[in-house]
Amino acid sequence: VDYGSYISIGARTFINYNLTALDVARITIGDDVQIGP
């Protein structure tokens, strides 16, 4: 991540290895999301 502070991740979400989430602006990830490697 760039800062981490501007990322929100919902409930019951699964994020696999090696996510790059550059949160220069806000990143919102909802509930029950599945994100591959």
PDB file of all heavy atoms in Angstrom:
ATOM      1  N   VAL A   1       0.845  -1.194   0.000  1.00  0.00           N
ATOM      2  CA  VAL A   1       0.000   0.000   0.000  1.00  0.00           C
ATOM      3  C   VAL A   1       0.875   1.237   0.000  1.00  0.00           C
ATOM      4  O   VAL A   1       2.073   1.177   0.303  1.00  0.00           O
ATOM      5  CB  VAL A   1      -0.932   0.015   1.237  1.00  0.00           C
ATOM      6  CG1 VAL A   1      -1.800  -1.235   1.287  1.00  0.00           C
ATOM      7  CG2 VAL A   1      -0.136   0.159   2.530  1.00  0.00           C
ATOM      8  N   ASP A   2       0.247   2.385  -0.315  1.00  0.00           N
ATOM      9  CA  ASP A   2       0.953   3.654  -0.144  1.00  0.00           C
ATOM     10  C   ASP A   2       0.852   4.137   1.297  1.00  0.00           C
ATOM     11  O   ASP A   2       1.851   4.493   1.916  1.00  0.00           O
ATOM     12  CB  ASP A   2       0.382   4.713  -1.084  1.00  0.00           C
ATOM     13  CG  ASP A   2       1.084   4.727  -2.429  1.00  0.00           C
ATOM     14  OD1 ASP A   2       2.288   4.409  -2.483  1.00  0.00           O
ATOM     15  OD2 ASP A   2       0.433   5.053  -3.434  1.00  0.00           O
ATOM     16  N   TYR A   3      -0.375   4.163   1.836  1.00  0.00           N
ATOM     17  CA  TYR A   3      -0.595   4.690   3.185  1.00  0.00           C
ATOM     18  C   TYR A   3      -1.393   3.719   4.057  1.00  0.00           C
ATOM     19  O   TYR A   3      -1.250   3.713   5.271  1.00  0.00           O
ATOM     20  CB  TYR A   3      -1.309   6.043   3.120  1.00  0.00           C
ATOM     21  CG  TYR A   3      -0.563   7.033   2.260  1.00  0.00           C
ATOM     22  CD1 TYR A   3      -1.052   7.407   1.009  1.00  0.00           C
ATOM     23  CD2 TYR A   3       0.663   7.558   2.670  1.00  0.00           C
ATOM     24  CE1 TYR A   3      -0.350   8.287   0.202  1.00  0.00           C
ATOM     25  CE2 TYR A   3       1.374   8.443   1.864  1.00  0.00           C
ATOM     26  CZ  TYR A   3       0.855   8.797   0.632  1.00  0.00           C
ATOM     27  OH  TYR A   3       1.559   9.652  -0.175  1.00  0.00           O
ATOM     28  N   GLY A   4      -2.259   2.935   3.464  1.00  0.00           N
ATOM     29  CA  GLY A   4      -3.081   2.003   4.232  1.00  0.00           C
ATOM     30  C   GLY A   4      -4.281   2.653   4.877  1.00  0.00           C
ATOM     31  O   GLY A   4      -5.381   2.114   4.867  1.00  0.00           O
ATOM     32  N   SER A   5      -4.083   3.841   5.425  1.00  0.00           N
ATOM     33  CA  SER A   5      -5.126   4.537   6.175  1.00  0.00           C
ATOM     34  C   SER A   5      -6.367   4.830   5.343  1.00  0.00           C
ATOM     35  O   SER A   5      -7.455   5.013   5.893  1.00  0.00           O
ATOM     36  CB  SER A   5      -4.580   5.864   6.714  1.00  0.00           C
ATOM     37  OG  SER A   5      -3.421   5.662   7.479  1.00  0.00           O
ATOM     38  N   TYR A   6      -6.205   4.877   4.017  1.00  0.00           N
ATOM     39  CA  TYR A   6      -7.315   5.276   3.156  1.00  0.00           C
ATOM     40  C   TYR A   6      -7.932   4.077   2.441  1.00  0.00           C
ATOM     41  O   TYR A   6      -8.569   4.214   1.403  1.00  0.00           O
ATOM     42  CB  TYR A   6      -6.836   6.343   2.173  1.00  0.00           C
ATOM     43  CG  TYR A   6      -6.124   7.459   2.894  1.00  0.00           C
ATOM     44  CD1 TYR A   6      -4.781   7.737   2.651  1.00  0.00           C
ATOM     45  CD2 TYR A   6      -6.766   8.192   3.888  1.00  0.00           C
ATOM     46  CE1 TYR A   6      -4.109   8.725   3.357  1.00  0.00           C
ATOM     47  CE2 TYR A   6      -6.111   9.174   4.603  1.00  0.00           C
ATOM     48  CZ  TYR A   6      -4.776   9.435   4.323  1.00  0.00           C
ATOM     49  OH  TYR A   6      -4.126  10.414   5.025  1.00  0.00           O
ATOM     50  N   ILE A   7      -7.751   2.888   3.049  1.00  0.00           N
ATOM     51  CA  ILE A   7      -8.337   1.652   2.549  1.00  0.00           C
ATOM     52  C   ILE A   7      -9.352   1.142   3.557  1.00  0.00           C
ATOM     53  O   ILE A   7      -9.044   1.041   4.750  1.00  0.00           O
ATOM     54  CB  ILE A   7      -7.273   0.570   2.321  1.00  0.00           C
ATOM     55  CG1 ILE A   7      -6.234   1.036   1.292  1.00  0.00           C
ATOM     56  CG2 ILE A   7      -7.919  -0.738   1.865  1.00  0.00           C
ATOM     57  CD1 ILE A   7      -5.048   0.104   1.163  1.00  0.00           C
ATOM     58  N   SER A   8     -10.556   0.832   3.090  1.00  0.00           N
ATOM     59  CA  SER A   8     -11.531   0.159   3.946  1.00  0.00           C
ATOM     60  C   SER A   8     -11.896  -1.176   3.300  1.00  0.00           C
ATOM     61  O   SER A   8     -12.109  -1.249   2.087  1.00  0.00           O
ATOM     62  CB  SER A   8     -12.776   1.021   4.166  1.00  0.00           C
ATOM     63  OG  SER A   8     -13.463   1.236   2.956  1.00  0.00           O
ATOM     64  N   ILE A   9     -11.935  -2.214   4.118  1.00  0.00           N
ATOM     65  CA  ILE A   9     -12.223  -3.569   3.661  1.00  0.00           C
ATOM     66  C   ILE A   9     -13.409  -4.089   4.464  1.00  0.00           C
ATOM     67  O   ILE A   9     -13.401  -4.054   5.698  1.00  0.00           O
ATOM     68  CB  ILE A   9     -11.008  -4.494   3.851  1.00  0.00           C
ATOM     69  CG1 ILE A   9      -9.757  -3.903   3.186  1.00  0.00           C
ATOM     70  CG2 ILE A   9     -11.305  -5.879   3.278  1.00  0.00           C
ATOM     71  CD1 ILE A   9      -8.480  -4.670   3.490  1.00  0.00           C
ATOM     72  N   GLY A  10     -14.431  -4.576   3.763  1.00  0.00           N
ATOM     73  CA  GLY A  10     -15.649  -5.020   4.417  1.00  0.00           C
ATOM     74  C   GLY A  10     -15.525  -6.383   5.079  1.00  0.00           C
ATOM     75  O   GLY A  10     -14.442  -6.974   5.164  1.00  0.00           O
ATOM     76  N   ALA A  11     -16.671  -6.886   5.519  1.00  0.00           N
ATOM     77  CA  ALA A  11     -16.733  -8.148   6.247  1.00  0.00           C
ATOM     78  C   ALA A  11     -16.713  -9.345   5.287  1.00  0.00           C
ATOM     79  O   ALA A  11     -17.171  -9.251   4.149  1.00  0.00           O
ATOM     80  CB  ALA A  11     -18.004  -8.191   7.097  1.00  0.00           C
ATOM     81  N   ARG A  12     -16.154 -10.442   5.800  1.00  0.00           N
ATOM     82  CA  ARG A  12     -16.175 -11.747   5.097  1.00  0.00           C
ATOM     83  C   ARG A  12     -15.518 -11.682   3.716  1.00  0.00           C
ATOM     84  O   ARG A  12     -15.850 -12.446   2.807  1.00  0.00           O
ATOM     85  CB  ARG A  12     -17.618 -12.271   4.964  1.00  0.00           C
ATOM     86  CG  ARG A  12     -18.328 -12.448   6.306  1.00  0.00           C
ATOM     87  CD  ARG A  12     -19.783 -12.796   6.120  1.00  0.00           C
ATOM     88  NE  ARG A  12     -20.474 -11.809   5.297  1.00  0.00           N
ATOM     89  CZ  ARG A  12     -20.930 -10.635   5.758  1.00  0.00           C
ATOM     90  NH1 ARG A  12     -20.777 -10.310   7.043  1.00  0.00           N
ATOM     91  NH2 ARG A  12     -21.542  -9.783   4.941  1.00  0.00           N
ATOM     92  N   THR A  13     -14.578 -10.795   3.577  1.00  0.00           N
ATOM     93  CA  THR A  13     -13.856 -10.643   2.311  1.00  0.00           C
ATOM     94  C   THR A  13     -12.573 -11.468   2.354  1.00  0.00           C
ATOM     95  O   THR A  13     -11.951 -11.617   3.410  1.00  0.00           O
ATOM     96  CB  THR A  13     -13.572  -9.153   2.060  1.00  0.00           C
ATOM     97  OG1 THR A  13     -14.779  -8.531   1.609  1.00  0.00           O
ATOM     98  CG2 THR A  13     -12.493  -8.925   1.035  1.00  0.00           C
ATOM     99  N   PHE A  14     -12.204 -12.007   1.206  1.00  0.00           N
ATOM    100  CA  PHE A  14     -10.966 -12.784   1.092  1.00  0.00           C
ATOM    101  C   PHE A  14     -10.065 -12.128   0.048  1.00  0.00           C
ATOM    102  O   PHE A  14     -10.478 -11.918  -1.096  1.00  0.00           O
ATOM    103  CB  PHE A  14     -11.247 -14.223   0.674  1.00  0.00           C
ATOM    104  CG  PHE A  14      -9.996 -15.016   0.426  1.00  0.00           C
ATOM    105  CD1 PHE A  14      -9.229 -15.481   1.477  1.00  0.00           C
ATOM    106  CD2 PHE A  14      -9.574 -15.279  -0.871  1.00  0.00           C
ATOM    107  CE1 PHE A  14      -8.058 -16.197   1.251  1.00  0.00           C
ATOM    108  CE2 PHE A  14      -8.412 -16.001  -1.107  1.00  0.00           C
ATOM    109  CZ  PHE A  14      -7.652 -16.465  -0.041  1.00  0.00           C
ATOM    110  N   ILE A  15      -8.847 -11.811   0.451  1.00  0.00           N
ATOM    111  CA  ILE A  15      -7.863 -11.195  -0.437  1.00  0.00           C
ATOM    112  C   ILE A  15      -6.640 -12.093  -0.477  1.00  0.00           C
ATOM    113  O   ILE A  15      -5.986 -12.312   0.552  1.00  0.00           O
ATOM    114  CB  ILE A  15      -7.494  -9.775   0.041  1.00  0.00           C
ATOM    115  CG1 ILE A  15      -8.728  -8.874   0.001  1.00  0.00           C
ATOM    116  CG2 ILE A  15      -6.373  -9.199  -0.814  1.00  0.00           C
ATOM    117  CD1 ILE A  15      -8.508  -7.491   0.566  1.00  0.00           C
ATOM    118  N   ASN A  16      -6.337 -12.606  -1.648  1.00  0.00           N
ATOM    119  CA  ASN A  16      -5.247 -13.549  -1.804  1.00  0.00           C
ATOM    120  C   ASN A  16      -3.902 -12.816  -1.859  1.00  0.00           C
ATOM    121  O   ASN A  16      -3.839 -11.587  -1.767  1.00  0.00           O
ATOM    122  CB  ASN A  16      -5.477 -14.413  -3.052  1.00  0.00           C
ATOM    123  CG  ASN A  16      -4.995 -15.834  -2.870  1.00  0.00           C
ATOM    124  OD1 ASN A  16      -3.965 -16.070  -2.228  1.00  0.00           O
ATOM    125  ND2 ASN A  16      -5.717 -16.788  -3.434  1.00  0.00           N
ATOM    126  N   TYR A  17      -2.840 -13.585  -2.052  1.00  0.00           N
ATOM    127  CA  TYR A  17      -1.475 -13.068  -1.937  1.00  0.00           C
ATOM    128  C   TYR A  17      -1.197 -11.901  -2.884  1.00  0.00           C
ATOM    129  O   TYR A  17      -1.655 -11.853  -4.023  1.00  0.00           O
ATOM    130  CB  TYR A  17      -0.471 -14.179  -2.253  1.00  0.00           C
ATOM    131  CG  TYR A  17      -0.629 -15.415  -1.412  1.00  0.00           C
ATOM    132  CD1 TYR A  17      -1.138 -16.585  -1.969  1.00  0.00           C
ATOM    133  CD2 TYR A  17      -0.276 -15.418  -0.064  1.00  0.00           C
ATOM    134  CE1 TYR A  17      -1.283 -17.732  -1.201  1.00  0.00           C
ATOM    135  CE2 TYR A  17      -0.415 -16.564   0.708  1.00  0.00           C
ATOM    136  CZ  TYR A  17      -0.928 -17.717   0.140  1.00  0.00           C
ATOM    137  OH  TYR A  17      -1.077 -18.841   0.898  1.00  0.00           O
ATOM    138  N   ASN A  18      -0.408 -10.953  -2.368  1.00  0.00           N
ATOM    139  CA  ASN A  18       0.255  -9.937  -3.185  1.00  0.00           C
ATOM    140  C   ASN A  18      -0.693  -8.920  -3.805  1.00  0.00           C
ATOM    141  O   ASN A  18      -0.559  -8.553  -4.969  1.00  0.00           O
ATOM    142  CB  ASN A  18       1.098 -10.609  -4.282  1.00  0.00           C
ATOM    143  CG  ASN A  18       2.226  -9.717  -4.744  1.00  0.00           C
ATOM    144  OD1 ASN A  18       2.824  -8.982  -3.953  1.00  0.00           O
ATOM    145  ND2 ASN A  18       2.537  -9.773  -6.026  1.00  0.00           N
ATOM    146  N   LEU A  19      -1.657  -8.429  -3.002  1.00  0.00           N
ATOM    147  CA  LEU A  19      -2.467  -7.297  -3.444  1.00  0.00           C
ATOM    148  C   LEU A  19      -1.636  -6.025  -3.362  1.00  0.00           C
ATOM    149  O   LEU A  19      -0.996  -5.746  -2.344  1.00  0.00           O
ATOM    150  CB  LEU A  19      -3.709  -7.141  -2.564  1.00  0.00           C
ATOM    151  CG  LEU A  19      -4.537  -5.872  -2.825  1.00  0.00           C
ATOM    152  CD1 LEU A  19      -5.178  -5.898  -4.199  1.00  0.00           C
ATOM    153  CD2 LEU A  19      -5.582  -5.669  -1.736  1.00  0.00           C
ATOM    154  N   THR A  20      -1.647  -5.245  -4.446  1.00  0.00           N
ATOM    155  CA  THR A  20      -1.097  -3.897  -4.434  1.00  0.00           C
ATOM    156  C   THR A  20      -2.271  -2.929  -4.465  1.00  0.00           C
ATOM    157  O   THR A  20      -3.044  -2.918  -5.434  1.00  0.00           O
ATOM    158  CB  THR A  20      -0.181  -3.651  -5.643  1.00  0.00           C
ATOM    159  OG1 THR A  20       0.940  -4.535  -5.575  1.00  0.00           O
ATOM    160  CG2 THR A  20       0.320  -2.208  -5.659  1.00  0.00           C
ATOM    161  N   ALA A  21      -2.434  -2.153  -3.407  1.00  0.00           N
ATOM    162  CA  ALA A  21      -3.551  -1.212  -3.288  1.00  0.00           C
ATOM    163  C   ALA A  21      -2.979   0.166  -2.981  1.00  0.00           C
ATOM    164  O   ALA A  21      -2.699   0.487  -1.821  1.00  0.00           O
ATOM    165  CB  ALA A  21      -4.519  -1.657  -2.197  1.00  0.00           C
ATOM    166  N   LEU A  22      -2.759   0.952  -4.017  1.00  0.00           N
ATOM    167  CA  LEU A  22      -2.128   2.269  -3.861  1.00  0.00           C
ATOM    168  C   LEU A  22      -3.203   3.287  -3.520  1.00  0.00           C
ATOM    169  O   LEU A  22      -3.896   3.813  -4.383  1.00  0.00           O
ATOM    170  CB  LEU A  22      -1.373   2.640  -5.135  1.00  0.00           C
ATOM    171  CG  LEU A  22      -0.273   1.657  -5.552  1.00  0.00           C
ATOM    172  CD1 LEU A  22       0.509   2.213  -6.732  1.00  0.00           C
ATOM    173  CD2 LEU A  22       0.663   1.336  -4.386  1.00  0.00           C
ATOM    174  N   ASP A  23      -3.317   3.577  -2.230  1.00  0.00           N
ATOM    175  CA  ASP A  23      -4.420   4.387  -1.708  1.00  0.00           C
ATOM    176  C   ASP A  23      -4.035   5.861  -1.598  1.00  0.00           C
ATOM    177  O   ASP A  23      -4.136   6.477  -0.539  1.00  0.00           O
ATOM    178  CB  ASP A  23      -4.890   3.848  -0.361  1.00  0.00           C
ATOM    179  CG  ASP A  23      -3.784   3.772   0.692  1.00  0.00           C
ATOM    180  OD1 ASP A  23      -2.631   3.443   0.341  1.00  0.00           O
ATOM    181  OD2 ASP A  23      -4.074   4.032   1.870  1.00  0.00           O
ATOM    182  N   VAL A  24      -3.641   6.431  -2.730  1.00  0.00           N
ATOM    183  CA  VAL A  24      -3.451   7.883  -2.785  1.00  0.00           C
ATOM    184  C   VAL A  24      -4.816   8.572  -2.706  1.00  0.00           C
ATOM    185  O   VAL A  24      -4.960   9.626  -2.094  1.00  0.00           O
ATOM    186  CB  VAL A  24      -2.684   8.277  -4.059  1.00  0.00           C
ATOM    187  CG1 VAL A  24      -2.555   9.771  -4.191  1.00  0.00           C
ATOM    188  CG2 VAL A  24      -1.303   7.623  -4.043  1.00  0.00           C
ATOM    189  N   ALA A  25      -5.833   7.970  -3.319  1.00  0.00           N
ATOM    190  CA  ALA A  25      -7.230   8.293  -3.058  1.00  0.00           C
ATOM    191  C   ALA A  25      -7.833   7.112  -2.308  1.00  0.00           C
ATOM    192  O   ALA A  25      -7.213   6.062  -2.169  1.00  0.00           O
ATOM    193  CB  ALA A  25      -7.974   8.561  -4.364  1.00  0.00           C
ATOM    194  N   ARG A  26      -9.034   7.267  -1.831  1.00  0.00           N
ATOM    195  CA  ARG A  26      -9.644   6.219  -1.021  1.00  0.00           C
ATOM    196  C   ARG A  26      -9.963   4.982  -1.859  1.00  0.00           C
ATOM    197  O   ARG A  26     -10.416   5.074  -2.992  1.00  0.00           O
ATOM    198  CB  ARG A  26     -10.916   6.744  -0.345  1.00  0.00           C
ATOM    199  CG  ARG A  26     -10.608   7.886   0.625  1.00  0.00           C
ATOM    200  CD  ARG A  26     -11.762   8.240   1.519  1.00  0.00           C
ATOM    201  NE  ARG A  26     -11.425   9.398   2.342  1.00  0.00           N
ATOM    202  CZ  ARG A  26     -10.736   9.351   3.476  1.00  0.00           C
ATOM    203  NH1 ARG A  26     -10.311   8.167   3.914  1.00  0.00           N
ATOM    204  NH2 ARG A  26     -10.473  10.447   4.156  1.00  0.00           N
ATOM    205  N   ILE A  27      -9.705   3.827  -1.255  1.00  0.00           N
ATOM    206  CA  ILE A  27     -10.062   2.534  -1.836  1.00  0.00           C
ATOM    207  C   ILE A  27     -11.064   1.879  -0.901  1.00  0.00           C
ATOM    208  O   ILE A  27     -10.780   1.672   0.279  1.00  0.00           O
ATOM    209  CB  ILE A  27      -8.823   1.635  -2.011  1.00  0.00           C
ATOM    210  CG1 ILE A  27      -7.848   2.254  -3.016  1.00  0.00           C
ATOM    211  CG2 ILE A  27      -9.244   0.238  -2.447  1.00  0.00           C
ATOM    212  CD1 ILE A  27      -6.557   1.473  -3.174  1.00  0.00           C
ATOM    213  N   THR A  28     -12.235   1.573  -1.434  1.00  0.00           N
ATOM    214  CA  THR A  28     -13.296   0.958  -0.650  1.00  0.00           C
ATOM    215  C   THR A  28     -13.578  -0.430  -1.223  1.00  0.00           C
ATOM    216  O   THR A  28     -13.931  -0.554  -2.398  1.00  0.00           O
ATOM    217  CB  THR A  28     -14.577   1.804  -0.681  1.00  0.00           C
ATOM    218  OG1 THR A  28     -14.282   3.128  -0.216  1.00  0.00           O
ATOM    219  CG2 THR A  28     -15.660   1.184   0.188  1.00  0.00           C
ATOM    220  N   ILE A  29     -13.410  -1.447  -0.406  1.00  0.00           N
ATOM    221  CA  ILE A  29     -13.658  -2.839  -0.786  1.00  0.00           C
ATOM    222  C   ILE A  29     -14.824  -3.324   0.062  1.00  0.00           C
ATOM    223  O   ILE A  29     -14.782  -3.248   1.293  1.00  0.00           O
ATOM    224  CB  ILE A  29     -12.409  -3.708  -0.561  1.00  0.00           C
ATOM    225  CG1 ILE A  29     -11.236  -3.174  -1.394  1.00  0.00           C
ATOM    226  CG2 ILE A  29     -12.700  -5.167  -0.906  1.00  0.00           C
ATOM    227  CD1 ILE A  29      -9.901  -3.826  -1.072  1.00  0.00           C
ATOM    228  N   GLY A  30     -15.879  -3.814  -0.580  1.00  0.00           N
ATOM    229  CA  GLY A  30     -17.111  -4.143   0.124  1.00  0.00           C
ATOM    230  C   GLY A  30     -17.069  -5.455   0.881  1.00  0.00           C
ATOM    231  O   GLY A  30     -16.012  -6.063   1.093  1.00  0.00           O
ATOM    232  N   ASP A  31     -18.262  -5.916   1.271  1.00  0.00           N
ATOM    233  CA  ASP A  31     -18.425  -7.181   1.972  1.00  0.00           C
ATOM    234  C   ASP A  31     -18.409  -8.347   0.983  1.00  0.00           C
ATOM    235  O   ASP A  31     -18.841  -8.208  -0.173  1.00  0.00           O
ATOM    236  CB  ASP A  31     -19.765  -7.210   2.716  1.00  0.00           C
ATOM    237  CG  ASP A  31     -19.882  -6.137   3.788  1.00  0.00           C
ATOM    238  OD1 ASP A  31     -18.837  -5.693   4.307  1.00  0.00           O
ATOM    239  OD2 ASP A  31     -21.031  -5.756   4.109  1.00  0.00           O
ATOM    240  N   ASP A  32     -17.946  -9.499   1.444  1.00  0.00           N
ATOM    241  CA  ASP A  32     -18.015 -10.746   0.680  1.00  0.00           C
ATOM    242  C   ASP A  32     -17.299 -10.669  -0.673  1.00  0.00           C
ATOM    243  O   ASP A  32     -17.674 -11.362  -1.618  1.00  0.00           O
ATOM    244  CB  ASP A  32     -19.472 -11.165   0.473  1.00  0.00           C
ATOM    245  CG  ASP A  32     -20.210 -11.345   1.790  1.00  0.00           C
ATOM    246  OD1 ASP A  32     -19.807 -12.224   2.579  1.00  0.00           O
ATOM    247  OD2 ASP A  32     -21.176 -10.596   2.044  1.00  0.00           O
ATOM    248  N   VAL A  33     -16.271  -9.844  -0.735  1.00  0.00           N
ATOM    249  CA  VAL A  33     -15.476  -9.700  -1.958  1.00  0.00           C
ATOM    250  C   VAL A  33     -14.411 -10.795  -1.987  1.00  0.00           C
ATOM    251  O   VAL A  33     -13.876 -11.186  -0.938  1.00  0.00           O
ATOM    252  CB  VAL A  33     -14.831  -8.300  -2.020  1.00  0.00           C
ATOM    253  CG1 VAL A  33     -13.860  -8.184  -3.188  1.00  0.00           C
ATOM    254  CG2 VAL A  33     -15.917  -7.229  -2.120  1.00  0.00           C
ATOM    255  N   GLN A  34     -14.092 -11.289  -3.176  1.00  0.00           N
ATOM    256  CA  GLN A  34     -12.977 -12.218  -3.364  1.00  0.00           C
ATOM    257  C   GLN A  34     -12.003 -11.602  -4.364  1.00  0.00           C
ATOM    258  O   GLN A  34     -12.400 -11.241  -5.475  1.00  0.00           O
ATOM    259  CB  GLN A  34     -13.479 -13.568  -3.876  1.00  0.00           C
ATOM    260  CG  GLN A  34     -14.400 -14.273  -2.900  1.00  0.00           C
ATOM    261  CD  GLN A  34     -14.778 -15.655  -3.378  1.00  0.00           C
ATOM    262  OE1 GLN A  34     -13.914 -16.426  -3.793  1.00  0.00           O
ATOM    263  NE2 GLN A  34     -16.049 -15.977  -3.327  1.00  0.00           N
ATOM    264  N   ILE A  35     -10.756 -11.475  -3.936  1.00  0.00           N
ATOM    265  CA  ILE A  35      -9.719 -10.868  -4.773  1.00  0.00           C
ATOM    266  C   ILE A  35      -8.599 -11.883  -4.944  1.00  0.00           C
ATOM    267  O   ILE A  35      -8.018 -12.364  -3.960  1.00  0.00           O
ATOM    268  CB  ILE A  35      -9.191  -9.566  -4.149  1.00  0.00           C
ATOM    269  CG1 ILE A  35     -10.315  -8.527  -4.090  1.00  0.00           C
ATOM    270  CG2 ILE A  35      -8.005  -9.031  -4.939  1.00  0.00           C
ATOM    271  CD1 ILE A  35      -9.908  -7.193  -3.489  1.00  0.00           C
ATOM    272  N   GLY A  36      -8.296 -12.214  -6.198  1.00  0.00           N
ATOM    273  CA  GLY A  36      -7.269 -13.195  -6.502  1.00  0.00           C
ATOM    274  C   GLY A  36      -5.870 -12.653  -6.280  1.00  0.00           C
ATOM    275  O   GLY A  36      -5.671 -11.474  -5.954  1.00  0.00           O
ATOM    276  N   PRO A  37      -4.855 -13.497  -6.480  1.00  0.00           N
ATOM    277  CA  PRO A  37      -3.468 -13.072  -6.267  1.00  0.00           C
ATOM    278  C   PRO A  37      -3.018 -12.061  -7.319  1.00  0.00           C
ATOM    279  O   PRO A  37      -3.516 -12.045  -8.446  1.00  0.00           O
ATOM    280  CB  PRO A  37      -2.671 -14.375  -6.384  1.00  0.00           C
ATOM    281  CG  PRO A  37      -3.530 -15.268  -7.225  1.00  0.00           C
ATOM    282  CD  PRO A  37      -4.944 -14.922  -6.890  1.00  0.00           C
TER     283      PRO A  37
END
